[in-house]
Amino acid sequence: MHCKLLKNKARRIAESLLSLAITSGLVMAAESPDIRISAPSLGWILAADGSQAIEITGVTESPRAGRAVALAGVARRAWASPDATVTVLQTGTGLEILRGSVPAEGLFELPTGSVATVAWDRASAGFAVCWDTNCEARGANGAMRARWEVAAGARLLAYSADNGMVLATSESAEWRRESSVITLDAIPAAAAFRPGTSELWLLDAAGQLTGIDPQRRPIGNAELVPNALGLVASLDGKSFFAANAEGAAAATNLETLQTEKFNLEDSVEGLWPAAGRFTVRLHDSAKRAIAIWNGDSGITGWVPALNSEVRQ
């Protein structure tokens, strides 16, 4: 009994010391302007004029504007990695890569007038970029992995470091792997690789989701939303999310075979995986409030007045 009382007393003392340490830390942070409590990063977007990359931070239910990194030139597009650690930028001369808040580094130049499309591996293991008649696979650090010559104007719909990429033109679509090119039966509105598998899932304009394996055998199907702007898989590969420009959205669970349809109560610009198990950013412009949808809670959080809140 005596030993038990001593253990309980020791535990209470330890809890009191921990509480004091936490309280002291918070007071110090509040009193010192040089100390900031860091928040998780949810991704990066461009300022309205393209002169800065702006970080989105906080929890998905209440995101806010974070740091702003000045860019050497004006950027036209930004593609953040799903884990929010790296951002690929297209400027007027080529592609650059931004890691955290350090100055962006040049990757390579693009011919004048070229339009690039970029897609990240869902686990942030690397990205692919296509322009004109070229496609390249690169690591998360920007290092070259592979290069292909493709049809002129091919758009990049999805990329997996392990399973290749999906390309589409106005006339055809293909799944390009290391040793094979699989012609798809139709041009999908969106596509995504299922993490942890070799499966490719395709969403058509009518909203029908279909999975196939490398032998083109069907795996499963579900009904999402028509005219979807993108398709995002959860990081664990259990679920998919899609939404269209009008804000109609749907999430399907491949294990339970259940699909939930709902409305986001605002228009949508596109779909980009954000940091988290099943988190999706819905807007791509600092000219409007940025929306973050959390698949775990079903809640959409907003970053209001982004341009007026950024800090250097």
Protein backbone atom coordinates (compact mmCIF):
# COMPACT_ATOMS: atom_id res chain seq x y z
CA MET A 1 0.00 0.00 0.00
CA HIS A 2 2.83 2.37 0.96
CA CYS A 3 4.53 1.80 -2.40
CA LYS A 4 1.29 2.46 -4.25
CA LEU A 5 0.82 5.79 -2.43
CA LEU A 6 4.37 6.81 -3.30
CA LYS A 7 3.80 5.97 -6.98
CA ASN A 8 0.56 7.99 -7.08
CA LYS A 9 2.28 10.95 -5.43
CA ALA A 10 5.17 10.75 -7.89
CA ARG A 11 2.75 10.64 -10.82
CA ARG A 12 0.89 13.73 -9.54
CA ILE A 13 4.16 15.62 -9.14
CA ALA A 14 5.21 14.67 -12.68
CA GLU A 15 1.86 15.78 -14.09
CA SER A 16 2.14 19.10 -12.24
CA LEU A 17 5.64 19.71 -13.57
CA LEU A 18 4.51 18.88 -17.14
CA SER A 19 1.56 21.26 -16.82
CA LEU A 20 3.85 23.99 -15.52
CA ALA A 21 6.29 23.46 -18.37
CA ILE A 22 3.55 23.66 -20.98
CA THR A 23 2.02 26.76 -19.37
CA SER A 24 5.41 28.45 -19.12
CA GLY A 25 6.15 27.67 -22.75
CA LEU A 26 2.85 29.17 -23.86
CA VAL A 27 3.43 32.29 -21.75
CA MET A 28 6.91 32.73 -23.17
CA ALA A 29 5.56 32.36 -26.70
CA ALA A 30 2.87 34.94 -25.99
CA GLU A 31 5.32 37.44 -24.44
CA SER A 32 8.14 37.06 -26.97
CA PRO A 33 7.44 38.28 -30.54
CA ASP A 34 10.32 36.14 -31.82
CA ILE A 35 8.78 32.83 -30.67
CA ARG A 36 6.02 31.30 -32.82
CA ILE A 37 4.13 28.08 -32.34
CA SER A 38 4.38 26.28 -35.66
CA ALA A 39 1.31 24.82 -37.32
CA PRO A 40 1.09 21.95 -39.82
CA SER A 41 1.40 22.92 -43.46
CA LEU A 42 -1.53 22.08 -45.74
CA GLY A 43 0.11 23.15 -49.00
CA TRP A 44 1.16 26.17 -51.04
CA ILE A 45 -0.57 28.36 -53.62
CA LEU A 46 0.40 31.42 -55.62
CA ALA A 47 -0.41 35.00 -54.74
CA ALA A 48 -2.84 36.65 -57.17
CA ASP A 49 -0.01 38.40 -59.03
CA GLY A 50 2.28 35.34 -59.05
CA SER A 51 5.06 37.11 -57.16
CA GLN A 52 4.82 34.97 -54.00
CA ALA A 53 4.16 31.41 -52.92
CA ILE A 54 1.80 31.41 -49.94
CA GLU A 55 1.66 28.61 -47.38
CA ILE A 56 -1.64 27.30 -46.01
CA THR A 57 -1.29 26.16 -42.40
CA GLY A 58 -3.33 24.93 -39.44
CA VAL A 59 -5.89 22.19 -39.06
CA THR A 60 -8.14 21.33 -41.98
CA GLU A 61 -11.29 22.54 -40.21
CA SER A 62 -9.75 25.99 -39.65
CA PRO A 63 -6.92 26.66 -42.11
CA ARG A 64 -5.19 30.02 -42.38
CA ALA A 65 -2.57 31.85 -44.40
CA GLY A 66 1.02 31.28 -43.30
CA ARG A 67 4.37 32.37 -44.67
CA ALA A 68 4.78 34.10 -48.01
CA VAL A 69 7.96 33.38 -50.00
CA ALA A 70 8.98 35.99 -52.56
CA LEU A 71 9.76 34.51 -56.01
CA ALA A 72 12.49 35.76 -58.32
CA GLY A 73 10.03 35.97 -61.21
CA VAL A 74 6.31 35.80 -61.78
CA ALA A 75 4.94 32.26 -61.54
CA ARG A 76 1.93 31.10 -63.58
CA ARG A 77 1.12 27.79 -61.87
CA ALA A 78 2.04 25.94 -58.71
CA TRP A 79 1.75 22.24 -57.94
CA ALA A 80 2.34 21.38 -54.26
CA SER A 81 3.29 17.87 -53.19
CA PRO A 82 0.55 16.07 -51.23
CA ASP A 83 2.68 16.23 -48.06
CA ALA A 84 3.13 20.01 -48.56
CA THR A 85 6.95 19.91 -48.42
CA VAL A 86 7.76 20.69 -52.06
CA THR A 87 6.13 22.89 -54.72
CA VAL A 88 6.79 22.89 -58.47
CA LEU A 89 6.37 26.29 -60.12
CA GLN A 90 6.00 27.29 -63.76
CA THR A 91 7.39 30.73 -64.51
CA GLY A 92 7.63 32.61 -67.78
CA THR A 93 10.87 30.80 -68.64
CA GLY A 94 10.57 27.31 -67.19
CA LEU A 95 10.05 25.18 -64.10
CA GLU A 96 11.36 25.84 -60.60
CA ILE A 97 11.18 23.83 -57.37
CA LEU A 98 10.45 25.34 -53.96
CA ARG A 99 11.35 23.45 -50.78
CA GLY A 100 9.81 24.97 -47.67
CA SER A 101 10.63 28.65 -47.42
CA VAL A 102 14.05 28.66 -49.10
CA PRO A 103 14.42 30.45 -52.48
CA ALA A 104 13.12 28.47 -55.43
CA GLU A 105 15.66 26.62 -57.59
CA GLY A 106 15.49 26.34 -61.37
CA LEU A 107 14.80 22.90 -62.87
CA PHE A 108 14.86 23.52 -66.61
CA GLU A 109 13.71 26.02 -69.23
CA LEU A 110 10.61 25.59 -71.37
CA PRO A 111 10.19 26.76 -74.96
CA THR A 112 8.27 30.01 -75.27
CA GLY A 113 4.53 29.33 -75.26
CA SER A 114 4.81 25.82 -73.81
CA VAL A 115 2.16 24.77 -71.29
CA ALA A 116 3.25 22.26 -68.66
CA THR A 117 1.07 19.82 -66.74
CA VAL A 118 2.38 18.31 -63.49
CA ALA A 119 1.09 15.44 -61.37
CA TRP A 120 2.51 14.26 -58.03
CA ASP A 121 2.83 10.72 -56.75
CA ARG A 122 0.17 10.33 -54.02
CA ALA A 123 2.84 9.49 -51.41
CA SER A 124 4.93 12.50 -52.53
CA ALA A 125 7.69 10.18 -53.80
CA GLY A 126 8.16 12.30 -56.94
CA PHE A 127 6.31 13.99 -59.79
CA ALA A 128 5.91 13.89 -63.56
CA VAL A 129 5.79 16.84 -65.92
CA CYS A 130 4.66 16.94 -69.56
CA TRP A 131 4.94 19.69 -72.18
CA ASP A 132 4.83 19.75 -75.99
CA THR A 133 5.98 16.22 -76.98
CA ASN A 134 7.92 15.48 -73.79
CA CYS A 135 7.25 13.86 -70.42
CA GLU A 136 9.69 13.46 -67.54
CA ALA A 137 9.53 11.62 -64.22
CA ARG A 138 11.48 13.27 -61.42
CA GLY A 139 12.15 12.61 -57.76
CA ALA A 140 10.77 14.83 -55.02
CA ASN A 141 14.11 16.68 -55.07
CA GLY A 142 13.74 17.37 -58.79
CA ALA A 143 16.31 14.79 -59.94
CA MET A 144 15.62 13.21 -63.34
CA ARG A 145 14.39 9.60 -63.33
CA ALA A 146 13.08 8.96 -66.83
CA ARG A 147 12.06 10.76 -70.01
CA TRP A 148 9.64 9.88 -72.82
CA GLU A 149 8.55 11.29 -76.14
CA VAL A 150 4.74 11.47 -76.31
CA ALA A 151 1.99 12.73 -78.59
CA ALA A 152 1.89 16.49 -79.05
CA GLY A 153 -0.33 18.23 -76.53
CA ALA A 154 -0.70 15.22 -74.23
CA ARG A 155 -2.09 16.17 -70.81
CA LEU A 156 -0.89 14.44 -67.66
CA LEU A 157 -3.84 13.13 -65.63
CA ALA A 158 -2.13 11.01 -62.95
CA TYR A 159 1.32 9.82 -61.87
CA SER A 160 2.67 7.06 -59.64
CA ALA A 161 6.37 6.51 -58.95
CA ASP A 162 5.70 2.75 -59.04
CA ASN A 163 3.00 2.45 -61.70
CA GLY A 164 3.66 5.09 -64.34
CA MET A 165 1.44 7.83 -65.70
CA VAL A 166 -1.86 8.46 -67.46
CA LEU A 167 -1.83 10.73 -70.52
CA ALA A 168 -4.68 12.05 -72.64
CA THR A 169 -5.05 13.99 -75.87
CA SER A 170 -8.28 15.13 -77.51
CA GLU A 171 -8.42 11.79 -79.35
CA SER A 172 -6.99 9.09 -77.07
CA ALA A 173 -5.65 8.19 -73.63
CA GLU A 174 -2.99 5.76 -72.43
CA TRP A 175 -1.48 4.26 -69.31
CA ARG A 176 2.28 4.43 -69.80
CA ARG A 177 4.36 2.10 -67.63
CA GLU A 178 8.10 1.42 -67.66
CA SER A 179 7.89 -1.47 -70.10
CA SER A 180 4.47 -1.07 -71.69
CA VAL A 181 1.90 1.34 -73.04
CA ILE A 182 -1.73 0.42 -72.35
CA THR A 183 -4.27 2.13 -74.59
CA LEU A 184 -7.41 3.03 -72.66
CA ASP A 185 -10.84 2.34 -74.11
CA ALA A 186 -12.03 5.92 -73.56
CA ILE A 187 -10.69 9.31 -72.54
CA PRO A 188 -11.29 9.72 -68.81
CA ALA A 189 -12.37 12.98 -67.21
CA ALA A 190 -9.99 12.20 -64.33
CA ALA A 191 -7.72 9.41 -63.14
CA ALA A 192 -5.83 8.32 -60.02
CA PHE A 193 -3.63 5.43 -58.97
CA ARG A 194 -4.71 3.58 -55.84
CA PRO A 195 -1.89 3.79 -53.25
CA GLY A 196 -0.39 0.49 -52.17
CA THR A 197 -1.58 -1.33 -55.29
CA SER A 198 -0.93 -1.48 -59.04
CA GLU A 199 -4.52 -0.40 -59.77
CA LEU A 200 -5.55 2.54 -61.94
CA TRP A 201 -8.97 4.09 -61.36
CA LEU A 202 -10.68 6.07 -64.12
CA LEU A 203 -13.60 8.47 -63.86
CA ASP A 204 -15.61 9.21 -67.01
CA ALA A 205 -17.63 12.33 -67.84
CA ALA A 206 -20.85 10.68 -66.65
CA GLY A 207 -19.38 10.10 -63.19
CA GLN A 208 -18.72 6.36 -63.44
CA LEU A 209 -15.60 5.25 -61.57
CA THR A 210 -13.91 2.06 -62.79
CA GLY A 211 -10.74 0.35 -61.64
CA ILE A 212 -8.41 -1.72 -63.84
CA ASP A 213 -5.17 -3.63 -63.28
CA PRO A 214 -2.11 -3.68 -65.61
CA GLN A 215 -3.76 -6.46 -67.63
CA ARG A 216 -6.78 -4.16 -68.18
CA ARG A 217 -9.00 -6.43 -66.11
CA PRO A 218 -11.82 -4.57 -64.32
CA ILE A 219 -11.53 -4.42 -60.53
CA GLY A 220 -14.58 -2.54 -59.32
CA ASN A 221 -16.83 0.43 -59.96
CA ALA A 222 -18.82 3.18 -58.28
CA GLU A 223 -20.93 6.17 -59.24
CA LEU A 224 -19.52 9.58 -58.24
CA VAL A 225 -20.36 12.92 -59.91
CA PRO A 226 -20.53 13.93 -63.60
CA ASN A 227 -18.02 16.31 -65.19
CA ALA A 228 -15.57 15.95 -62.31
CA LEU A 229 -12.54 18.25 -62.23
CA GLY A 230 -10.33 15.63 -60.62
CA LEU A 231 -10.07 12.42 -58.65
CA VAL A 232 -8.15 12.10 -55.36
CA ALA A 233 -7.33 8.87 -53.54
CA SER A 234 -6.88 8.68 -49.79
CA LEU A 235 -3.30 8.02 -48.74
CA ASP A 236 -4.22 4.55 -47.45
CA GLY A 237 -5.93 3.64 -50.73
CA LYS A 238 -9.31 2.94 -49.17
CA SER A 239 -11.32 5.84 -50.61
CA PHE A 240 -11.73 8.19 -53.58
CA PHE A 241 -13.14 11.72 -53.77
CA ALA A 242 -14.40 13.69 -56.78
CA ALA A 243 -16.12 17.04 -57.29
CA ASN A 244 -17.27 19.16 -60.21
CA ALA A 245 -17.22 22.92 -60.85
CA GLU A 246 -20.71 23.40 -59.40
CA GLY A 247 -19.64 21.93 -56.05
CA ALA A 248 -21.35 18.55 -56.36
CA ALA A 249 -19.07 16.01 -54.65
CA ALA A 250 -18.91 12.34 -53.74
CA ALA A 251 -16.66 10.08 -51.70
CA THR A 252 -16.59 6.32 -52.06
CA ASN A 253 -15.07 3.69 -49.79
CA LEU A 254 -13.74 0.72 -51.74
CA GLU A 255 -13.76 -1.57 -48.71
CA THR A 256 -17.35 -0.97 -47.61
CA LEU A 257 -18.60 -0.28 -51.16
CA GLN A 258 -20.48 2.75 -49.83
CA THR A 259 -20.66 6.10 -51.63
CA GLU A 260 -21.74 9.39 -50.09
CA LYS A 261 -22.89 12.27 -52.29
CA PHE A 262 -23.08 15.83 -51.00
CA ASN A 263 -22.71 19.50 -51.97
CA LEU A 264 -19.76 21.70 -51.04
CA GLU A 265 -21.94 24.85 -51.13
CA ASP A 266 -19.52 26.68 -53.43
CA SER A 267 -17.98 26.34 -56.85
CA VAL A 268 -14.73 24.37 -57.24
CA GLU A 269 -11.61 25.16 -59.30
CA GLY A 270 -9.94 21.77 -59.10
CA LEU A 271 -8.80 19.00 -56.76
CA TRP A 272 -5.33 18.72 -55.22
CA PRO A 273 -4.31 16.29 -52.44
CA ALA A 274 -3.30 18.14 -49.27
CA ALA A 275 -1.32 16.96 -46.25
CA GLY A 276 -3.24 14.31 -44.32
CA ARG A 277 -4.77 10.89 -44.85
CA PHE A 278 -7.72 12.10 -46.93
CA THR A 279 -7.54 15.86 -47.34
CA VAL A 280 -8.31 17.75 -50.55
CA ARG A 281 -7.74 21.38 -51.54
CA LEU A 282 -10.51 22.63 -53.83
CA HIS A 283 -9.32 26.05 -55.00
CA ASP A 284 -6.14 27.17 -56.73
CA SER A 285 -6.34 30.98 -56.64
CA ALA A 286 -5.54 33.49 -53.88
CA LYS A 287 -8.17 35.75 -55.44
CA ARG A 288 -10.78 33.82 -53.48
CA ALA A 289 -11.10 31.97 -50.18
CA ILE A 290 -9.26 28.64 -50.23
CA ALA A 291 -11.27 25.56 -49.27
CA ILE A 292 -9.87 22.41 -47.64
CA TRP A 293 -12.11 19.32 -47.46
CA ASN A 294 -11.35 16.76 -44.73
CA GLY A 295 -12.53 13.27 -45.60
CA ASP A 296 -12.12 12.04 -42.03
CA SER A 297 -14.55 14.59 -40.59
CA GLY A 298 -16.54 15.52 -43.71
CA ILE A 299 -15.95 19.20 -42.87
CA THR A 300 -14.83 21.88 -45.35
CA GLY A 301 -12.60 24.56 -43.84
CA TRP A 302 -11.92 27.96 -45.41
CA VAL A 303 -8.97 30.36 -45.53
CA PRO A 304 -10.62 33.81 -45.74
CA ALA A 305 -9.02 36.91 -47.30
CA LEU A 306 -5.80 35.08 -48.06
CA ASN A 307 -3.88 37.94 -49.63
CA SER A 308 -4.43 40.28 -46.68
CA GLU A 309 -3.23 37.77 -44.08
CA VAL A 310 0.11 36.55 -45.40
CA ARG A 311 3.30 37.37 -43.55
CA GLN A 312 6.91 37.51 -44.70
